Amino acid sequence: MPLIILGVLVFGGLLALFETIRNKKHHTASSKGKADEVAPVIYLPTDLELEKRKRHII
């Protein structure tokens, strides 16, 4: 029984190592320049409580 558990742990570790190496070879999204794109910005009102009262949320 302990041998089976050890085998599963070794197999899982090797699989994780393989995936990590494969992802490094394919580069991440940030290395392809996708992180340089400007993300949309949500501008919130300066006074949130006043805006809630205006829209009758409270």
Protein backbone atom coordinates (compact mmCIF):
# COMPACT_ATOMS: atom_id res chain seq x y z
CA MET A 1 0.00 0.00 0.00
CA PRO A 2 2.71 2.58 0.87
CA LEU A 3 4.47 1.69 -2.38
CA ILE A 4 1.35 2.64 -4.37
CA ILE A 5 1.08 5.99 -2.59
CA LEU A 6 4.77 6.68 -3.18
CA GLY A 7 4.39 5.78 -6.87
CA VAL A 8 1.43 8.13 -7.26
CA LEU A 9 3.34 10.97 -5.58
CA VAL A 10 6.40 10.42 -7.79
CA PHE A 11 4.25 10.27 -10.91
CA GLY A 12 2.41 13.47 -9.91
CA GLY A 13 5.70 15.24 -9.22
CA LEU A 14 7.11 14.24 -12.60
CA LEU A 15 3.93 15.36 -14.32
CA ALA A 16 4.08 18.74 -12.55
CA LEU A 17 7.74 19.13 -13.51
CA PHE A 18 6.93 18.29 -17.13
CA GLU A 19 4.12 20.86 -17.25
CA THR A 20 6.32 23.53 -15.68
CA ILE A 21 9.11 22.97 -18.21
CA ARG A 22 6.62 22.87 -21.10
CA ASN A 23 5.03 26.16 -20.03
CA LYS A 24 8.42 27.85 -19.81
CA LYS A 25 9.25 26.73 -23.35
CA HIS A 26 5.96 28.09 -24.71
CA HIS A 27 6.44 31.39 -22.84
CA THR A 28 3.79 33.05 -20.78
CA ALA A 29 1.35 35.68 -21.99
CA SER A 30 3.35 38.44 -20.33
CA SER A 31 6.46 37.62 -22.34
CA LYS A 32 4.50 37.90 -25.59
CA GLY A 33 3.58 41.50 -24.88
CA LYS A 34 -0.02 40.97 -23.83
CA ALA A 35 0.71 42.49 -20.44
CA ASP A 36 1.72 45.74 -22.17
CA GLU A 37 -1.81 46.33 -23.46
CA VAL A 38 -3.74 48.93 -21.55
CA ALA A 39 -6.46 47.48 -19.39
CA PRO A 40 -9.83 49.24 -19.34
CA VAL A 41 -10.27 51.50 -16.35
CA ILE A 42 -13.52 51.96 -14.49
CA TYR A 43 -13.80 55.48 -13.14
CA LEU A 44 -15.82 55.65 -9.93
CA PRO A 45 -17.48 58.78 -8.63
CA THR A 46 -15.45 60.54 -5.97
CA ASP A 47 -18.33 60.45 -3.51
CA LEU A 48 -19.88 57.00 -3.68
CA GLU A 49 -22.47 57.68 -0.99
CA LEU A 50 -23.78 60.76 -2.86
CA GLU A 51 -23.98 58.75 -6.08
CA LYS A 52 -25.91 55.96 -4.32
CA ARG A 53 -28.42 58.45 -2.98
CA LYS A 54 -28.76 60.01 -6.43
CA ARG A 55 -29.56 56.64 -7.97
CA HIS A 56 -31.80 55.64 -5.03
CA ILE A 57 -29.70 52.59 -4.21
CA ILE A 58 -29.75 53.18 -0.46
